C-alpha atoms as a PDB file:
ATOM      1  CA  MET A   1     -71.957 -20.244  45.027  1.00  0.00           C
ATOM      2  CA  SER A   2     -75.080 -18.251  44.410  1.00  0.00           C
ATOM      3  CA  SER A   3     -77.970 -18.580  42.030  1.00  0.00           C
ATOM      4  CA  GLU A   4     -80.724 -16.259  40.886  1.00  0.00           C
ATOM      5  CA  ASN A   5     -82.854 -17.570  43.776  1.00  0.00           C
ATOM      6  CA  GLY A   6     -80.208 -16.963  46.429  1.00  0.00           C
ATOM      7  CA  VAL A   7     -77.363 -19.009  47.814  1.00  0.00           C
ATOM      8  CA  ASP A   8     -77.249 -22.735  47.101  1.00  0.00           C
ATOM      9  CA  GLY A   9     -75.530 -23.710  50.283  1.00  0.00           C
ATOM     10  CA  PRO A  10     -75.512 -23.324  54.051  1.00  0.00           C
ATOM     11  CA  THR A  11     -78.554 -21.046  54.270  1.00  0.00           C
ATOM     12  CA  ARG A  12     -81.038 -23.426  52.701  1.00  0.00           C
ATOM     13  CA  PRO A  13     -83.286 -25.608  54.893  1.00  0.00           C
ATOM     14  CA  GLY A  14     -81.594 -28.923  55.613  1.00  0.00           C
ATOM     15  CA  ALA A  15     -78.211 -27.664  54.429  1.00  0.00           C
ATOM     16  CA  HIS A  16     -76.423 -28.719  57.625  1.00  0.00           C
ATOM     17  CA  ARG A  17     -76.483 -32.344  56.486  1.00  0.00           C
ATOM     18  CA  TRP A  18     -74.235 -31.414  53.541  1.00  0.00           C
ATOM     19  CA  THR A  19     -71.639 -29.324  55.352  1.00  0.00           C
ATOM     20  CA  THR A  20     -68.204 -30.647  56.243  1.00  0.00           C
ATOM     21  CA  PHE A  21     -68.211 -28.840  59.579  1.00  0.00           C
ATOM     22  CA  LYS A  22     -71.380 -28.302  61.568  1.00  0.00           C
ATOM     23  CA  TYR A  23     -71.344 -24.579  62.224  1.00  0.00           C
ATOM     24  CA  THR A  24     -73.343 -23.224  65.143  1.00  0.00           C
ATOM     25  CA  ARG A  25     -72.815 -19.493  64.587  1.00  0.00           C
ATOM     26  CA  LYS A  26     -73.560 -17.321  61.559  1.00  0.00           C
ATOM     27  CA  VAL A  27     -71.618 -14.108  60.964  1.00  0.00           C
ATOM     28  CA  LEU A  28     -72.663 -11.645  58.283  1.00  0.00           C
ATOM     29  CA  VAL A  29     -69.854  -9.601  56.737  1.00  0.00           C
ATOM     30  CA  ALA A  30     -71.527  -6.598  55.082  1.00  0.00           C
ATOM     31  CA  ALA A  31     -69.469  -4.494  52.684  1.00  0.00           C
ATOM     32  CA  HIS A  32     -70.562  -1.279  51.029  1.00  0.00           C
ATOM     33  CA  ASN A  33     -67.722  -0.947  48.529  1.00  0.00           C
ATOM     34  CA  VAL A  34     -64.288  -2.391  47.767  1.00  0.00           C
ATOM     35  CA  THR A  35     -62.652  -0.124  50.363  1.00  0.00           C
ATOM     36  CA  THR A  36     -64.834  -1.438  53.179  1.00  0.00           C
ATOM     37  CA  LEU A  37     -64.394  -5.013  51.941  1.00  0.00           C
ATOM     38  CA  THR A  38     -60.623  -4.574  52.096  1.00  0.00           C
ATOM     39  CA  ARG A  39     -60.889  -3.496  55.735  1.00  0.00           C
ATOM     40  CA  LEU A  40     -63.206  -6.401  56.565  1.00  0.00           C
ATOM     41  CA  LEU A  41     -60.812  -8.866  54.933  1.00  0.00           C
ATOM     42  CA  ASP A  42     -58.167  -7.589  57.367  1.00  0.00           C
ATOM     43  CA  VAL A  43     -60.150  -8.788  60.384  1.00  0.00           C
ATOM     44  CA  ILE A  44     -61.979 -11.934  59.299  1.00  0.00           C
ATOM     45  CA  PRO A  45     -58.915 -14.165  59.778  1.00  0.00           C
ATOM     46  CA  ALA A  46     -59.921 -14.025  63.458  1.00  0.00           C
ATOM     47  CA  PHE A  47     -62.571 -16.615  62.530  1.00  0.00           C
ATOM     48  CA  ASP A  48     -60.278 -18.868  60.465  1.00  0.00           C
ATOM     49  CA  ASN A  49     -59.766 -21.601  63.033  1.00  0.00           C
ATOM     50  CA  ASP A  50     -63.224 -21.558  64.553  1.00  0.00           C
ATOM     51  CA  GLU A  51     -65.211 -24.324  62.891  1.00  0.00           C
ATOM     52  CA  ARG A  52     -68.350 -23.198  64.737  1.00  0.00           C
ATOM     53  CA  VAL A  53     -68.556 -20.047  62.612  1.00  0.00           C
ATOM     54  CA  GLN A  54     -69.866 -19.754  59.053  1.00  0.00           C
ATOM     55  CA  LEU A  55     -69.158 -16.418  57.381  1.00  0.00           C
ATOM     56  CA  PHE A  56     -71.638 -14.980  54.905  1.00  0.00           C
ATOM     57  CA  PHE A  57     -70.756 -11.949  52.788  1.00  0.00           C
ATOM     58  CA  THR A  58     -73.240  -9.468  51.426  1.00  0.00           C
ATOM     59  CA  HIS A  59     -73.213  -6.034  49.887  1.00  0.00           C
ATOM     60  CA  LEU A  60     -75.864  -3.572  50.859  1.00  0.00           C
ATOM     61  CA  ALA A  61     -78.184  -2.652  48.041  1.00  0.00           C
ATOM     62  CA  GLY A  62     -78.093   0.828  46.615  1.00  0.00           C
ATOM     63  CA  ASP A  63     -74.551   1.898  47.472  1.00  0.00           C
ATOM     64  CA  PRO A  64     -73.403   4.114  44.605  1.00  0.00           C
ATOM     65  CA  PHE A  65     -69.749   3.045  44.957  1.00  0.00           C
ATOM     66  CA  ARG A  66     -70.150  -0.734  44.852  1.00  0.00           C
ATOM     67  CA  HIS A  67     -68.596  -1.160  41.391  1.00  0.00           C
ATOM     68  CA  GLY A  68     -66.331  -4.223  41.442  1.00  0.00           C
ATOM     69  CA  LEU A  69     -67.512  -5.353  44.872  1.00  0.00           C
ATOM     70  CA  ASN A  70     -69.140  -8.605  43.787  1.00  0.00           C
ATOM     71  CA  GLU A  71     -66.016  -9.573  41.816  1.00  0.00           C
ATOM     72  CA  ALA A  72     -63.773  -8.709  44.773  1.00  0.00           C
ATOM     73  CA  MET A  73     -65.878 -10.886  47.086  1.00  0.00           C
ATOM     74  CA  THR A  74     -65.810 -13.738  44.589  1.00  0.00           C
ATOM     75  CA  ASN A  75     -62.020 -13.409  44.216  1.00  0.00           C
ATOM     76  CA  ALA A  76     -61.690 -13.565  48.008  1.00  0.00           C
ATOM     77  CA  GLY A  77     -63.555 -16.888  48.028  1.00  0.00           C
ATOM     78  CA  ALA A  78     -66.527 -15.450  49.891  1.00  0.00           C
ATOM     79  CA  LEU A  79     -69.869 -17.170  50.243  1.00  0.00           C
ATOM     80  CA  ILE A  80     -72.061 -14.349  48.922  1.00  0.00           C
ATOM     81  CA  LEU A  81     -75.564 -13.963  50.265  1.00  0.00           C
ATOM     82  CA  PRO A  82     -77.827 -11.562  48.370  1.00  0.00           C
ATOM     83  CA  TRP A  83     -78.843  -8.549  50.474  1.00  0.00           C
ATOM     84  CA  LYS A  84     -82.569  -9.292  50.174  1.00  0.00           C
ATOM     85  CA  GLU A  85     -81.931 -12.779  51.572  1.00  0.00           C
ATOM     86  CA  ALA A  86     -79.593 -11.551  54.323  1.00  0.00           C
ATOM     87  CA  LYS A  87     -82.268  -9.154  55.598  1.00  0.00           C
ATOM     88  CA  GLY A  88     -84.636 -12.077  56.146  1.00  0.00           C
ATOM     89  CA  GLN A  89     -82.296 -14.092  58.365  1.00  0.00           C
ATOM     90  CA  SER A  90     -80.918 -13.905  61.870  1.00  0.00           C
ATOM     91  CA  PHE A  91     -77.172 -13.838  62.495  1.00  0.00           C
ATOM     92  CA  ASP A  92     -75.100 -14.134  65.631  1.00  0.00           C
ATOM     93  CA  LEU A  93     -73.039 -11.133  64.546  1.00  0.00           C
ATOM     94  CA  ALA A  94     -72.965  -8.632  61.675  1.00  0.00           C
ATOM     95  CA  ILE A  95     -69.707  -6.865  60.851  1.00  0.00           C
ATOM     96  CA  SER A  96     -69.407  -3.795  58.649  1.00  0.00           C
ATOM     97  CA  ALA A  97     -66.884  -1.035  58.026  1.00  0.00           C
ATOM     98  CA  SER A  98     -69.398   1.714  57.371  1.00  0.00           C
ATOM     99  CA  HIS A  99     -72.194   3.356  59.321  1.00  0.00           C
ATOM    100  CA  HIS A 100     -74.383   4.104  56.336  1.00  0.00           C
ATOM    101  CA  GLY A 101     -76.779   1.755  54.614  1.00  0.00           C
ATOM    102  CA  ALA A 102     -79.510  -0.367  56.075  1.00  0.00           C
ATOM    103  CA  LEU A 103     -77.445  -2.654  58.268  1.00  0.00           C
ATOM    104  CA  ASP A 104     -79.886  -1.971  61.098  1.00  0.00           C
ATOM    105  CA  SER A 105     -82.461  -4.048  59.178  1.00  0.00           C
ATOM    106  CA  VAL A 106     -80.397  -7.196  59.839  1.00  0.00           C
ATOM    107  CA  ASN A 107     -81.390  -9.190  62.905  1.00  0.00           C
ATOM    108  CA  ALA A 108     -78.000  -9.380  64.640  1.00  0.00           C
ATOM    109  CA  PRO A 109     -75.726  -7.588  67.077  1.00  0.00           C
ATOM    110  CA  ARG A 110     -73.587  -5.238  64.962  1.00  0.00           C
ATOM    111  CA  VAL A 111     -69.937  -4.231  64.981  1.00  0.00           C
ATOM    112  CA  VAL A 112     -68.845  -1.312  62.806  1.00  0.00           C
ATOM    113  CA  LEU A 113     -65.100  -1.034  62.165  1.00  0.00           C
ATOM    114  CA  SER A 114     -63.274   2.026  60.964  1.00  0.00           C
ATOM    115  CA  HIS A 115     -62.022   1.729  57.398  1.00  0.00           C
ATOM    116  CA  GLY A 116     -59.693   4.663  57.208  1.00  0.00           C
ATOM    117  CA  ILE A 117     -58.762   7.881  58.790  1.00  0.00           C
ATOM    118  CA  GLY A 118     -62.365   9.130  58.594  1.00  0.00           C
ATOM    119  CA  TYR A 119     -63.527  11.924  60.844  1.00  0.00           C
ATOM    120  CA  THR A 120     -60.311  11.865  62.845  1.00  0.00           C
ATOM    121  CA  LYS A 121     -58.194  13.047  59.928  1.00  0.00           C
ATOM    122  CA  TYR A 122     -56.351  16.358  59.991  1.00  0.00           C
ATOM    123  CA  SER A 123     -57.784  18.912  57.614  1.00  0.00           C
ATOM    124  CA  PRO A 124     -56.006  22.259  57.245  1.00  0.00           C
ATOM    125  CA  GLN A 125     -59.299  23.768  56.036  1.00  0.00           C
ATOM    126  CA  ARG A 126     -61.039  23.202  59.370  1.00  0.00           C
ATOM    127  CA  ALA A 127     -61.478  26.174  61.608  1.00  0.00           C
ATOM    128  CA  ALA A 128     -59.282  26.243  64.675  1.00  0.00           C
ATOM    129  CA  GLY A 129     -61.003  24.535  67.585  1.00  0.00           C
ATOM    130  CA  SER A 130     -63.701  22.827  65.512  1.00  0.00           C
ATOM    131  CA  GLY A 131     -64.442  19.290  66.549  1.00  0.00           C
ATOM    132  CA  GLN A 132     -63.222  19.809  70.095  1.00  0.00           C
ATOM    133  CA  ARG A 133     -65.533  19.087  73.000  1.00  0.00           C
ATOM    134  CA  ALA A 134     -65.571  20.552  76.433  1.00  0.00           C
ATOM    135  CA  ALA A 135     -63.986  18.373  79.096  1.00  0.00           C
ATOM    136  CA  GLY A 136     -66.505  15.930  80.515  1.00  0.00           C
ATOM    137  CA  SER A 137     -69.078  16.405  77.759  1.00  0.00           C
ATOM    138  CA  GLY A 138     -68.724  12.776  76.678  1.00  0.00           C
ATOM    139  CA  GLN A 139     -69.190  11.272  80.113  1.00  0.00           C
ATOM    140  CA  ARG A 140     -72.085   8.949  80.907  1.00  0.00           C
ATOM    141  CA  ALA A 141     -73.708   8.218  84.201  1.00  0.00           C
ATOM    142  CA  ALA A 142     -71.839   5.598  86.192  1.00  0.00           C
ATOM    143  CA  GLY A 143     -72.832   2.097  85.139  1.00  0.00           C
ATOM    144  CA  SER A 144     -74.805   3.152  82.056  1.00  0.00           C
ATOM    145  CA  GLY A 145     -72.411   1.396  79.685  1.00  0.00           C
ATOM    146  CA  GLN A 146     -72.020  -1.808  81.651  1.00  0.00           C
ATOM    147  CA  ARG A 147     -73.065  -5.160  80.246  1.00  0.00           C
ATOM    148  CA  ALA A 148     -73.671  -8.425  82.000  1.00  0.00           C
ATOM    149  CA  ALA A 149     -70.615 -10.661  82.131  1.00  0.00           C
ATOM    150  CA  GLY A 150     -70.284 -12.609  78.894  1.00  0.00           C
ATOM    151  CA  SER A 151     -73.058 -10.763  77.074  1.00  0.00           C
ATOM    152  CA  PHE A 152     -70.806  -8.983  74.571  1.00  0.00           C
ATOM    153  CA  TRP A 153     -69.360 -11.915  72.684  1.00  0.00           C
ATOM    154  CA  PRO A 154     -71.949 -14.391  71.368  1.00  0.00           C
ATOM    155  CA  PHE A 155     -69.536 -17.293  70.859  1.00  0.00           C
ATOM    156  CA  HIS A 156     -69.402 -19.002  74.255  1.00  0.00           C
END
């Protein structure tokens, strides 16, 4: 559902008049490669029954491992939004399964999911004791991580 000028659909001005359901929230699902897309496809069913939410999929430009990603998104039935167009819009939430890339250039609160064992994996080549922190080194000042009630989830 995309053209050379971007998506012919819910992102165009006046598009709401053509939609079956009037969405009020936009969620960007940003994949870097097929592995991260697979992880994201595991969690997006959480939005299946919420007619207020329109999901938009994009793949971040420049990832060297994105071979097959566009086809995988198309096969999943995703509404694909070109990265250059996604960067110019605001979203209520952006979900990714990778920390790298330019996701911080999207105007949205971001959630980054793990997509594998990552840095927590056991590696017999690691030196004994590496990666261990001293007790209390990860503590924050009391109240520094608190949010106002209801501020975390944008879908009230």
